[in-house]
Amino acid sequence: MRRTTAPDPARRSERSRAAILTAAAELVAEVGFGKLTIEAIAARAGVGKQTIYRWWPSKGAVVFDAFLAAGEHEGGLALPDTGDLAADLRAVLRPTAAELADPALDRTYRAITSEVLNDPAMFAEYRARLLDPLLDVTRERLRSAREAGQLAPDTDLDLAIELLYGPLHYRWLHRLGPLDEAHADRLVDAALRALGAAG
């Protein structure tokens, strides 16, 4: 007697979800966010568009999830604490600069930025799942440096974070120059000098 196994709905759903995110990432890189449609994502993923709307309220939300999945950002943020503050900050700013400089990701980043600025629900998702975790791990590393005497006791940690990330994103947003490891290193050095870091 032949035994049959019933399909696993969870596995099927995960397979569909992965196909949708892959399709969204590919299409936004190919045609840009403005020309991207839910119908096109559904067709490439081999699912009905109702499947997409069951999980995401908009194409912006799909693209944001695709971005997180491709970069494995969600839940994976960490900042080393080797005792060398400059080296630890370079370890996070260098890959951040490299991602922003990647032509294949640039259109996606800019599309997400536009959506985040115009959609309060997406902004809340962006804060909760990407921005706040990054700020939290950076703040904790700076707090550790302050407690170790590498930063002054009255160092404003939130201002320190802005000194690190703000100029990087300003340069990217306005396409003012190359974003590479050398620039990331100069930015870390300048921020630490401005903060009066010891050593």
N, C-alpha and C. Protein backbone atom coordinates (compact mmCIF):
# COMPACT_ATOMS: atom_id res chain seq x y z
N MET A 1 0.85 -1.19 0.00
CA MET A 1 0.00 0.00 0.00
C MET A 1 0.88 1.23 0.00
N ARG A 2 0.60 2.14 -0.90
CA ARG A 2 1.38 3.36 -1.02
C ARG A 2 0.97 4.36 0.04
N ARG A 3 1.96 4.89 0.77
CA ARG A 3 1.68 5.87 1.81
C ARG A 3 1.88 7.28 1.24
N THR A 4 0.97 8.13 1.54
CA THR A 4 1.09 9.52 1.09
C THR A 4 1.18 10.43 2.30
N THR A 5 1.91 11.51 2.10
CA THR A 5 2.07 12.49 3.17
C THR A 5 1.37 13.78 2.77
N ALA A 6 0.58 14.28 3.66
CA ALA A 6 -0.15 15.52 3.36
C ALA A 6 0.84 16.67 3.23
N PRO A 7 0.60 17.62 2.31
CA PRO A 7 1.49 18.78 2.17
C PRO A 7 1.57 19.56 3.48
N ASP A 8 2.71 20.08 3.75
CA ASP A 8 2.92 20.88 4.96
C ASP A 8 2.62 22.34 4.62
N PRO A 9 1.52 22.91 5.11
CA PRO A 9 1.17 24.30 4.77
C PRO A 9 2.24 25.30 5.20
N ALA A 10 2.87 25.03 6.34
CA ALA A 10 3.90 25.97 6.82
C ALA A 10 5.08 26.00 5.86
N ARG A 11 5.48 24.81 5.39
CA ARG A 11 6.60 24.76 4.45
C ARG A 11 6.24 25.44 3.15
N ARG A 12 5.00 25.19 2.68
CA ARG A 12 4.56 25.80 1.44
C ARG A 12 4.52 27.32 1.59
N SER A 13 4.04 27.81 2.73
CA SER A 13 3.96 29.25 2.96
C SER A 13 5.35 29.88 3.00
N GLU A 14 6.29 29.19 3.66
CA GLU A 14 7.65 29.73 3.74
C GLU A 14 8.30 29.76 2.37
N ARG A 15 8.04 28.73 1.57
CA ARG A 15 8.59 28.70 0.22
C ARG A 15 8.02 29.85 -0.61
N SER A 16 6.72 30.09 -0.50
CA SER A 16 6.08 31.20 -1.23
C SER A 16 6.62 32.54 -0.75
N ARG A 17 6.77 32.68 0.55
CA ARG A 17 7.28 33.94 1.10
C ARG A 17 8.69 34.22 0.59
N ALA A 18 9.54 33.20 0.58
CA ALA A 18 10.91 33.37 0.09
C ALA A 18 10.92 33.73 -1.39
N ALA A 19 10.04 33.10 -2.16
CA ALA A 19 9.96 33.40 -3.60
C ALA A 19 9.51 34.84 -3.83
N ILE A 20 8.57 35.30 -3.04
CA ILE A 20 8.07 36.68 -3.16
C ILE A 20 9.18 37.68 -2.85
N LEU A 21 9.91 37.45 -1.76
CA LEU A 21 10.99 38.38 -1.38
C LEU A 21 12.10 38.40 -2.42
N THR A 22 12.43 37.24 -2.96
CA THR A 22 13.46 37.17 -4.01
C THR A 22 12.99 37.93 -5.25
N ALA A 23 11.74 37.70 -5.63
CA ALA A 23 11.20 38.39 -6.80
C ALA A 23 11.19 39.90 -6.61
N ALA A 24 10.79 40.34 -5.42
CA ALA A 24 10.74 41.79 -5.16
C ALA A 24 12.13 42.40 -5.24
N ALA A 25 13.13 41.72 -4.66
CA ALA A 25 14.50 42.25 -4.68
C ALA A 25 15.02 42.32 -6.10
N GLU A 26 14.76 41.30 -6.90
CA GLU A 26 15.23 41.28 -8.28
C GLU A 26 14.56 42.37 -9.11
N LEU A 27 13.26 42.49 -8.96
CA LEU A 27 12.50 43.43 -9.80
C LEU A 27 12.80 44.88 -9.45
N VAL A 28 12.93 45.21 -8.18
CA VAL A 28 13.19 46.60 -7.83
C VAL A 28 14.57 47.02 -8.35
N ALA A 29 15.52 46.07 -8.41
CA ALA A 29 16.83 46.37 -8.97
C ALA A 29 16.76 46.52 -10.49
N GLU A 30 15.86 45.80 -11.12
CA GLU A 30 15.76 45.82 -12.58
C GLU A 30 14.97 47.02 -13.10
N VAL A 31 13.83 47.30 -12.49
CA VAL A 31 12.93 48.32 -13.05
C VAL A 31 12.79 49.55 -12.18
N GLY A 32 13.28 49.50 -10.95
CA GLY A 32 13.10 50.63 -10.04
C GLY A 32 11.79 50.52 -9.28
N PHE A 33 11.73 51.21 -8.16
CA PHE A 33 10.56 51.11 -7.30
C PHE A 33 9.31 51.69 -7.97
N GLY A 34 9.46 52.78 -8.70
CA GLY A 34 8.31 53.45 -9.31
C GLY A 34 7.56 52.56 -10.28
N LYS A 35 8.27 51.71 -11.02
CA LYS A 35 7.64 50.85 -12.02
C LYS A 35 7.30 49.46 -11.48
N LEU A 36 7.70 49.21 -10.26
CA LEU A 36 7.44 47.90 -9.66
C LEU A 36 5.96 47.77 -9.33
N THR A 37 5.38 46.60 -9.58
CA THR A 37 3.98 46.35 -9.24
C THR A 37 3.85 45.04 -8.46
N ILE A 38 2.80 44.96 -7.68
CA ILE A 38 2.50 43.73 -6.96
C ILE A 38 2.26 42.60 -7.97
N GLU A 39 1.60 42.93 -9.08
CA GLU A 39 1.32 41.92 -10.10
C GLU A 39 2.61 41.32 -10.65
N ALA A 40 3.60 42.16 -10.89
CA ALA A 40 4.88 41.67 -11.42
C ALA A 40 5.59 40.78 -10.40
N ILE A 41 5.54 41.19 -9.14
CA ILE A 41 6.16 40.38 -8.09
C ILE A 41 5.47 39.02 -8.02
N ALA A 42 4.14 39.03 -8.05
CA ALA A 42 3.38 37.78 -7.97
C ALA A 42 3.70 36.87 -9.15
N ALA A 43 3.76 37.44 -10.35
CA ALA A 43 4.04 36.64 -11.54
C ALA A 43 5.42 35.99 -11.46
N ARG A 44 6.41 36.75 -11.06
CA ARG A 44 7.76 36.19 -10.99
C ARG A 44 7.86 35.15 -9.88
N ALA A 45 7.17 35.38 -8.77
CA ALA A 45 7.24 34.45 -7.64
C ALA A 45 6.37 33.21 -7.85
N GLY A 46 5.46 33.28 -8.83
CA GLY A 46 4.58 32.14 -9.08
C GLY A 46 3.47 32.00 -8.06
N VAL A 47 2.99 33.15 -7.57
CA VAL A 47 1.90 33.13 -6.59
C VAL A 47 0.82 34.11 -7.05
N GLY A 48 -0.33 34.04 -6.42
CA GLY A 48 -1.39 35.00 -6.69
C GLY A 48 -1.12 36.28 -5.90
N LYS A 49 -1.55 37.42 -6.44
CA LYS A 49 -1.28 38.67 -5.72
C LYS A 49 -2.01 38.74 -4.39
N GLN A 50 -3.10 37.95 -4.24
CA GLN A 50 -3.80 37.91 -2.95
C GLN A 50 -2.90 37.31 -1.88
N THR A 51 -1.99 36.43 -2.29
CA THR A 51 -1.04 35.85 -1.33
C THR A 51 -0.12 36.94 -0.78
N ILE A 52 0.30 37.84 -1.67
CA ILE A 52 1.17 38.94 -1.24
C ILE A 52 0.42 39.86 -0.29
N TYR A 53 -0.80 40.21 -0.67
CA TYR A 53 -1.57 41.13 0.18
C TYR A 53 -1.98 40.50 1.52
N ARG A 54 -1.94 39.20 1.60
CA ARG A 54 -2.23 38.54 2.87
C ARG A 54 -1.11 38.82 3.88
N TRP A 55 0.11 39.01 3.38
CA TRP A 55 1.27 39.20 4.27
C TRP A 55 1.79 40.63 4.32
N TRP A 56 1.56 41.41 3.27
CA TRP A 56 2.08 42.77 3.22
C TRP A 56 1.01 43.74 2.75
N PRO A 57 0.97 44.94 3.33
CA PRO A 57 -0.07 45.89 2.95
C PRO A 57 0.25 46.69 1.69
N SER A 58 1.52 46.67 1.26
CA SER A 58 1.91 47.50 0.12
C SER A 58 3.19 46.96 -0.50
N LYS A 59 3.50 47.45 -1.69
CA LYS A 59 4.75 47.01 -2.33
C LYS A 59 5.95 47.54 -1.56
N GLY A 60 5.80 48.70 -0.92
CA GLY A 60 6.90 49.22 -0.12
C GLY A 60 7.25 48.28 1.02
N ALA A 61 6.24 47.71 1.65
CA ALA A 61 6.46 46.77 2.76
C ALA A 61 7.15 45.51 2.26
N VAL A 62 6.78 45.04 1.06
CA VAL A 62 7.42 43.86 0.49
C VAL A 62 8.90 44.14 0.22
N VAL A 63 9.18 45.29 -0.39
CA VAL A 63 10.55 45.64 -0.72
C VAL A 63 11.39 45.79 0.54
N PHE A 64 10.81 46.36 1.58
CA PHE A 64 11.55 46.53 2.83
C PHE A 64 11.91 45.16 3.43
N ASP A 65 10.95 44.24 3.42
CA ASP A 65 11.23 42.89 3.91
C ASP A 65 12.27 42.19 3.04
N ALA A 66 12.20 42.41 1.73
CA ALA A 66 13.18 41.81 0.83
C ALA A 66 14.58 42.34 1.13
N PHE A 67 14.66 43.63 1.41
CA PHE A 67 15.93 44.25 1.77
C PHE A 67 16.49 43.63 3.06
N LEU A 68 15.65 43.48 4.06
CA LEU A 68 16.09 42.90 5.32
C LEU A 68 16.53 41.45 5.13
N ALA A 69 15.76 40.71 4.33
CA ALA A 69 16.09 39.30 4.12
C ALA A 69 17.40 39.15 3.35
N ALA A 70 17.60 39.99 2.34
CA ALA A 70 18.82 39.87 1.52
C ALA A 70 20.05 40.22 2.32
N GLY A 71 19.94 41.23 3.19
CA GLY A 71 21.10 41.64 3.95
C GLY A 71 21.21 40.98 5.30
N GLU A 72 20.20 40.15 5.66
CA GLU A 72 20.18 39.49 6.96
C GLU A 72 20.38 40.50 8.08
N HIS A 73 19.72 41.66 7.95
CA HIS A 73 19.89 42.73 8.93
C HIS A 73 19.11 42.44 10.21
N GLU A 74 17.91 41.92 10.03
CA GLU A 74 17.03 41.80 11.17
C GLU A 74 17.57 40.76 12.15
N GLY A 75 17.75 41.17 13.38
CA GLY A 75 18.20 40.25 14.41
C GLY A 75 19.68 39.95 14.34
N GLY A 76 20.39 40.54 13.38
CA GLY A 76 21.80 40.19 13.23
C GLY A 76 22.75 41.32 13.52
N LEU A 77 22.25 42.41 14.08
CA LEU A 77 23.11 43.55 14.33
C LEU A 77 23.95 43.33 15.58
N ALA A 78 25.24 43.60 15.42
CA ALA A 78 26.15 43.46 16.56
C ALA A 78 27.33 44.38 16.34
N LEU A 79 27.89 44.82 17.43
CA LEU A 79 29.07 45.69 17.37
C LEU A 79 30.12 45.06 18.28
N PRO A 80 31.32 44.82 17.77
CA PRO A 80 32.34 44.20 18.62
C PRO A 80 32.77 45.11 19.75
N ASP A 81 33.26 44.50 20.81
CA ASP A 81 33.82 45.27 21.93
C ASP A 81 35.17 44.65 22.27
N THR A 82 36.18 45.08 21.50
CA THR A 82 37.52 44.52 21.67
C THR A 82 38.36 45.34 22.64
N GLY A 83 37.82 46.49 23.06
CA GLY A 83 38.59 47.41 23.87
C GLY A 83 39.20 48.53 23.05
N ASP A 84 39.24 48.35 21.73
CA ASP A 84 39.75 49.37 20.81
C ASP A 84 38.53 50.03 20.15
N LEU A 85 38.11 51.18 20.67
CA LEU A 85 36.88 51.81 20.20
C LEU A 85 36.94 52.16 18.72
N ALA A 86 38.04 52.74 18.28
CA ALA A 86 38.15 53.13 16.86
C ALA A 86 38.02 51.92 15.95
N ALA A 87 38.70 50.85 16.29
CA ALA A 87 38.64 49.64 15.46
C ALA A 87 37.23 49.06 15.44
N ASP A 88 36.56 49.09 16.58
CA ASP A 88 35.21 48.53 16.65
C ASP A 88 34.23 49.36 15.83
N LEU A 89 34.38 50.67 15.86
CA LEU A 89 33.49 51.53 15.06
C LEU A 89 33.78 51.38 13.57
N ARG A 90 35.05 51.21 13.22
CA ARG A 90 35.37 50.96 11.81
C ARG A 90 34.72 49.65 11.33
N ALA A 91 34.64 48.69 12.23
CA ALA A 91 34.08 47.38 11.87
C ALA A 91 32.61 47.47 11.48
N VAL A 92 31.91 48.50 11.96
CA VAL A 92 30.51 48.66 11.56
C VAL A 92 30.36 49.72 10.46
N LEU A 93 31.18 50.75 10.46
CA LEU A 93 31.04 51.79 9.44
C LEU A 93 31.56 51.35 8.07
N ARG A 94 32.58 50.53 8.05
CA ARG A 94 33.09 50.06 6.75
C ARG A 94 32.05 49.28 5.96
N PRO A 95 31.42 48.25 6.53
CA PRO A 95 30.39 47.54 5.76
C PRO A 95 29.17 48.39 5.46
N THR A 96 28.85 49.33 6.36
CA THR A 96 27.73 50.24 6.08
C THR A 96 28.02 51.08 4.86
N ALA A 97 29.24 51.62 4.77
CA ALA A 97 29.64 52.41 3.60
C ALA A 97 29.62 51.55 2.34
N ALA A 98 30.10 50.31 2.46
CA ALA A 98 30.14 49.42 1.29
C ALA A 98 28.73 49.12 0.79
N GLU A 99 27.79 48.92 1.69
CA GLU A 99 26.41 48.66 1.28
C GLU A 99 25.81 49.87 0.58
N LEU A 100 26.04 51.04 1.14
CA LEU A 100 25.49 52.25 0.53
C LEU A 100 26.10 52.51 -0.84
N ALA A 101 27.35 52.07 -1.03
CA ALA A 101 28.04 52.32 -2.30
C ALA A 101 27.71 51.27 -3.36
N ASP A 102 27.04 50.21 -2.98
CA ASP A 102 26.76 49.12 -3.91
C ASP A 102 25.68 49.54 -4.91
N PRO A 103 26.05 49.65 -6.21
CA PRO A 103 25.06 50.09 -7.21
C PRO A 103 23.83 49.19 -7.27
N ALA A 104 24.02 47.91 -7.00
CA ALA A 104 22.90 46.97 -7.08
C ALA A 104 21.87 47.23 -5.99
N LEU A 105 22.30 47.84 -4.88
CA LEU A 105 21.39 48.10 -3.77
C LEU A 105 20.92 49.54 -3.70
N ASP A 106 21.60 50.42 -4.43
CA ASP A 106 21.32 51.85 -4.29
C ASP A 106 19.86 52.20 -4.57
N ARG A 107 19.30 51.68 -5.65
CA ARG A 107 17.91 52.00 -6.00
C ARG A 107 16.96 51.50 -4.92
N THR A 108 17.26 50.32 -4.38
CA THR A 108 16.40 49.77 -3.34
C THR A 108 16.46 50.64 -2.08
N TYR A 109 17.65 51.04 -1.68
CA TYR A 109 17.80 51.90 -0.51
C TYR A 109 17.04 53.20 -0.67
N ARG A 110 17.18 53.80 -1.84
CA ARG A 110 16.51 55.09 -2.06
C ARG A 110 14.99 54.93 -2.09
N ALA A 111 14.52 53.82 -2.66
CA ALA A 111 13.07 53.57 -2.67
C ALA A 111 12.55 53.38 -1.25
N ILE A 112 13.29 52.62 -0.45
CA ILE A 112 12.87 52.40 0.94
C ILE A 112 12.88 53.70 1.71
N THR A 113 13.92 54.52 1.50
CA THR A 113 14.01 55.81 2.18
C THR A 113 12.80 56.68 1.86
N SER A 114 12.42 56.71 0.59
CA SER A 114 11.26 57.50 0.18
C SER A 114 9.98 56.98 0.83
N GLU A 115 9.81 55.65 0.84
CA GLU A 115 8.63 55.07 1.44
C GLU A 115 8.56 55.34 2.94
N VAL A 116 9.70 55.20 3.59
CA VAL A 116 9.75 55.41 5.03
C VAL A 116 9.35 56.84 5.39
N LEU A 117 9.78 57.80 4.58
CA LEU A 117 9.49 59.19 4.86
C LEU A 117 8.03 59.55 4.62
N ASN A 118 7.35 58.76 3.78
CA ASN A 118 5.98 59.11 3.40
C ASN A 118 4.91 58.18 3.95
N ASP A 119 5.31 57.09 4.59
CA ASP A 119 4.35 56.12 5.08
C ASP A 119 4.62 55.89 6.58
N PRO A 120 3.76 56.44 7.45
CA PRO A 120 3.99 56.31 8.90
C PRO A 120 4.10 54.87 9.37
N ALA A 121 3.32 53.97 8.77
CA ALA A 121 3.38 52.56 9.19
C ALA A 121 4.73 51.95 8.83
N MET A 122 5.23 52.29 7.64
CA MET A 122 6.54 51.77 7.25
C MET A 122 7.64 52.39 8.08
N PHE A 123 7.47 53.66 8.43
CA PHE A 123 8.46 54.31 9.28
C PHE A 123 8.56 53.60 10.62
N ALA A 124 7.41 53.22 11.16
CA ALA A 124 7.40 52.50 12.44
C ALA A 124 8.11 51.15 12.31
N GLU A 125 7.88 50.46 11.20
CA GLU A 125 8.56 49.19 10.95
C GLU A 125 10.07 49.39 10.82
N TYR A 126 10.45 50.41 10.08
CA TYR A 126 11.87 50.72 9.87
C TYR A 126 12.56 51.03 11.19
N ARG A 127 11.91 51.82 12.03
CA ARG A 127 12.48 52.15 13.33
C ARG A 127 12.64 50.90 14.19
N ALA A 128 11.58 50.10 14.24
CA ALA A 128 11.58 48.96 15.15
C ALA A 128 12.52 47.84 14.70
N ARG A 129 12.62 47.64 13.39
CA ARG A 129 13.34 46.47 12.90
C ARG A 129 14.74 46.75 12.39
N LEU A 130 15.06 48.01 12.10
CA LEU A 130 16.39 48.29 11.55
C LEU A 130 17.10 49.42 12.27
N LEU A 131 16.50 50.61 12.30
CA LEU A 131 17.20 51.76 12.85
C LEU A 131 17.44 51.65 14.35
N ASP A 132 16.40 51.41 15.11
CA ASP A 132 16.57 51.36 16.56
C ASP A 132 17.54 50.28 17.02
N PRO A 133 17.49 49.06 16.46
CA PRO A 133 18.51 48.07 16.86
C PRO A 133 19.94 48.52 16.57
N LEU A 134 20.15 49.19 15.42
CA LEU A 134 21.48 49.69 15.11
C LEU A 134 21.92 50.76 16.10
N LEU A 135 21.01 51.68 16.41
CA LEU A 135 21.34 52.74 17.37
C LEU A 135 21.59 52.16 18.75
N ASP A 136 20.82 51.14 19.12
CA ASP A 136 20.98 50.55 20.45
C ASP A 136 22.34 49.89 20.62
N VAL A 137 22.77 49.10 19.62
CA VAL A 137 24.07 48.42 19.78
C VAL A 137 25.21 49.43 19.74
N THR A 138 25.05 50.49 18.95
CA THR A 138 26.10 51.51 18.90
C THR A 138 26.15 52.28 20.21
N ARG A 139 24.99 52.61 20.75
CA ARG A 139 24.93 53.33 22.03
C ARG A 139 25.57 52.50 23.15
N GLU A 140 25.31 51.20 23.15
CA GLU A 140 25.89 50.34 24.19
C GLU A 140 27.40 50.27 24.07
N ARG A 141 27.91 50.24 22.83
CA ARG A 141 29.37 50.21 22.65
C ARG A 141 29.99 51.52 23.12
N LEU A 142 29.35 52.63 22.81
CA LEU A 142 29.85 53.93 23.26
C LEU A 142 29.75 54.07 24.77
N ARG A 143 28.68 53.53 25.36
CA ARG A 143 28.54 53.58 26.82
C ARG A 143 29.68 52.78 27.48
N SER A 144 30.01 51.63 26.90
CA SER A 144 31.11 50.82 27.41
C SER A 144 32.42 51.59 27.34
N ALA A 145 32.63 52.31 26.23
CA ALA A 145 33.85 53.12 26.09
C ALA A 145 33.87 54.25 27.10
N ARG A 146 32.72 54.85 27.35
CA ARG A 146 32.64 55.93 28.34
C ARG A 146 32.97 55.41 29.74
N GLU A 147 32.43 54.25 30.06
CA GLU A 147 32.70 53.66 31.38
C GLU A 147 34.16 53.26 31.53
N ALA A 148 34.82 52.93 30.40
CA ALA A 148 36.23 52.54 30.44
C ALA A 148 37.17 53.75 30.42
N GLY A 149 36.58 54.95 30.37
CA GLY A 149 37.39 56.15 30.36
C GLY A 149 37.92 56.54 28.99
N GLN A 150 37.43 55.88 27.94
CA GLN A 150 37.87 56.22 26.59
C GLN A 150 37.12 57.42 26.03
N LEU A 151 35.99 57.72 26.63
CA LEU A 151 35.22 58.93 26.31
C LEU A 151 34.99 59.69 27.61
N ALA A 152 34.80 60.99 27.49
CA ALA A 152 34.57 61.80 28.69
C ALA A 152 33.29 61.36 29.39
N PRO A 153 33.23 61.49 30.71
CA PRO A 153 32.05 61.06 31.47
C PRO A 153 30.76 61.75 31.04
N ASP A 154 30.87 62.97 30.51
CA ASP A 154 29.66 63.70 30.11
C ASP A 154 29.37 63.58 28.61
N THR A 155 29.99 62.62 27.93
CA THR A 155 29.75 62.45 26.49
C THR A 155 28.28 62.15 26.22
N ASP A 156 27.70 62.92 25.33
CA ASP A 156 26.31 62.72 24.90
C ASP A 156 26.31 61.58 23.88
N LEU A 157 25.82 60.42 24.28
CA LEU A 157 25.91 59.24 23.42
C LEU A 157 25.06 59.37 22.16
N ASP A 158 23.90 60.00 22.27
CA ASP A 158 23.05 60.17 21.08
C ASP A 158 23.71 61.11 20.07
N LEU A 159 24.33 62.16 20.56
CA LEU A 159 25.06 63.06 19.66
C LEU A 159 26.24 62.34 19.03
N ALA A 160 26.90 61.50 19.80
CA ALA A 160 28.03 60.74 19.26
C ALA A 160 27.58 59.84 18.11
N ILE A 161 26.42 59.22 18.27
CA ILE A 161 25.88 58.37 17.21
C ILE A 161 25.61 59.19 15.95
N GLU A 162 25.05 60.38 16.12
CA GLU A 162 24.78 61.24 14.96
C GLU A 162 26.07 61.65 14.26
N LEU A 163 27.12 61.90 15.05
CA LEU A 163 28.40 62.26 14.46
C LEU A 163 28.98 61.12 13.63
N LEU A 164 28.66 59.88 13.99
CA LEU A 164 29.17 58.73 13.26
C LEU A 164 28.36 58.44 12.00
N TYR A 165 27.05 58.31 12.15
CA TYR A 165 26.23 57.87 11.02
C TYR A 165 25.71 59.00 10.15
N GLY A 166 25.49 60.18 10.74
CA GLY A 166 24.90 61.28 9.98
C GLY A 166 25.69 61.66 8.74
N PRO A 167 26.98 61.92 8.85
CA PRO A 167 27.75 62.32 7.67
C PRO A 167 27.80 61.24 6.59
N LEU A 168 27.79 59.98 7.00
CA LEU A 168 27.82 58.89 6.02
C LEU A 168 26.57 58.91 5.16
N HIS A 169 25.43 59.04 5.82
CA HIS A 169 24.17 59.05 5.08
C HIS A 169 23.96 60.36 4.30
N TYR A 170 24.49 61.44 4.81
CA TYR A 170 24.43 62.71 4.08
C TYR A 170 25.18 62.60 2.76
N ARG A 171 26.37 62.01 2.80
CA ARG A 171 27.17 61.85 1.59
C ARG A 171 26.46 60.93 0.60
N TRP A 172 25.85 59.85 1.13
CA TRP A 172 25.14 58.93 0.25
C TRP A 172 23.90 59.59 -0.35
N LEU A 173 23.12 60.25 0.48
CA LEU A 173 21.86 60.83 0.03
C LEU A 173 22.08 61.83 -1.10
N HIS A 174 23.13 62.66 -0.97
CA HIS A 174 23.37 63.72 -1.95
C HIS A 174 24.43 63.35 -2.98
N ARG A 175 24.92 62.10 -2.95
CA ARG A 175 25.91 61.61 -3.92
C ARG A 175 27.11 62.57 -4.00
N LEU A 176 27.67 62.86 -2.82
CA LEU A 176 28.73 63.87 -2.74
C LEU A 176 30.14 63.33 -2.95
N GLY A 177 30.29 62.05 -2.95
CA GLY A 177 31.64 61.50 -3.12
C GLY A 177 31.63 60.01 -2.86
N PRO A 178 32.79 59.39 -3.01
CA PRO A 178 32.86 57.93 -2.84
C PRO A 178 32.61 57.52 -1.39
N LEU A 179 32.01 56.37 -1.26
CA LEU A 179 31.80 55.76 0.05
C LEU A 179 32.63 54.48 0.07
N ASP A 180 33.74 54.53 0.78
CA ASP A 180 34.63 53.38 0.83
C ASP A 180 35.22 53.26 2.23
N GLU A 181 36.09 52.28 2.40
CA GLU A 181 36.67 52.05 3.73
C GLU A 181 37.49 53.26 4.19
N ALA A 182 38.20 53.88 3.26
CA ALA A 182 39.03 55.03 3.63
C ALA A 182 38.16 56.16 4.18
N HIS A 183 37.02 56.38 3.53
CA HIS A 183 36.12 57.44 4.02
C HIS A 183 35.53 57.07 5.38
N ALA A 184 35.14 55.80 5.53
CA ALA A 184 34.60 55.34 6.81
C ALA A 184 35.63 55.53 7.93
N ASP A 185 36.89 55.22 7.63
CA ASP A 185 37.94 55.37 8.64
C ASP A 185 38.16 56.83 9.01
N ARG A 186 38.15 57.71 8.00
CA ARG A 186 38.32 59.14 8.28
C ARG A 186 37.16 59.66 9.13
N LEU A 187 35.98 59.16 8.85
CA LEU A 187 34.79 59.58 9.60
C LEU A 187 34.89 59.15 11.07
N VAL A 188 35.33 57.92 11.30
CA VAL A 188 35.50 57.45 12.69
C VAL A 188 36.53 58.31 13.40
N ASP A 189 37.66 58.57 12.74
CA ASP A 189 38.72 59.38 13.36
C ASP A 189 38.22 60.78 13.69
N ALA A 190 37.50 61.39 12.74
CA ALA A 190 37.00 62.75 12.96
C ALA A 190 35.99 62.79 14.10
N ALA A 191 35.10 61.79 14.15
CA ALA A 191 34.08 61.75 15.20
C ALA A 191 34.73 61.59 16.57
N LEU A 192 35.72 60.73 16.67
CA LEU A 192 36.38 60.51 17.96
C LEU A 192 37.19 61.73 18.38
N ARG A 193 37.78 62.42 17.42
CA ARG A 193 38.49 63.68 17.77
C ARG A 193 37.48 64.71 18.29
N ALA A 194 36.33 64.82 17.61
CA ALA A 194 35.32 65.77 18.03
C ALA A 194 34.79 65.45 19.43
N LEU A 195 34.77 64.16 19.76
CA LEU A 195 34.28 63.74 21.07
C LEU A 195 35.36 63.77 22.13
N GLY A 196 36.58 64.10 21.71
CA GLY A 196 37.68 64.16 22.67
C GLY A 196 38.04 62.80 23.23
N ALA A 197 37.98 61.77 22.36
CA ALA A 197 38.26 60.40 22.82
C ALA A 197 39.69 60.28 23.30
N ALA A 198 39.89 59.53 24.36
CA ALA A 198 41.23 59.29 24.88
C ALA A 198 42.02 58.42 23.92
N GLY A 199 43.29 58.75 23.73
CA GLY A 199 44.15 57.94 22.87
C GLY A 199 43.99 58.27 21.40
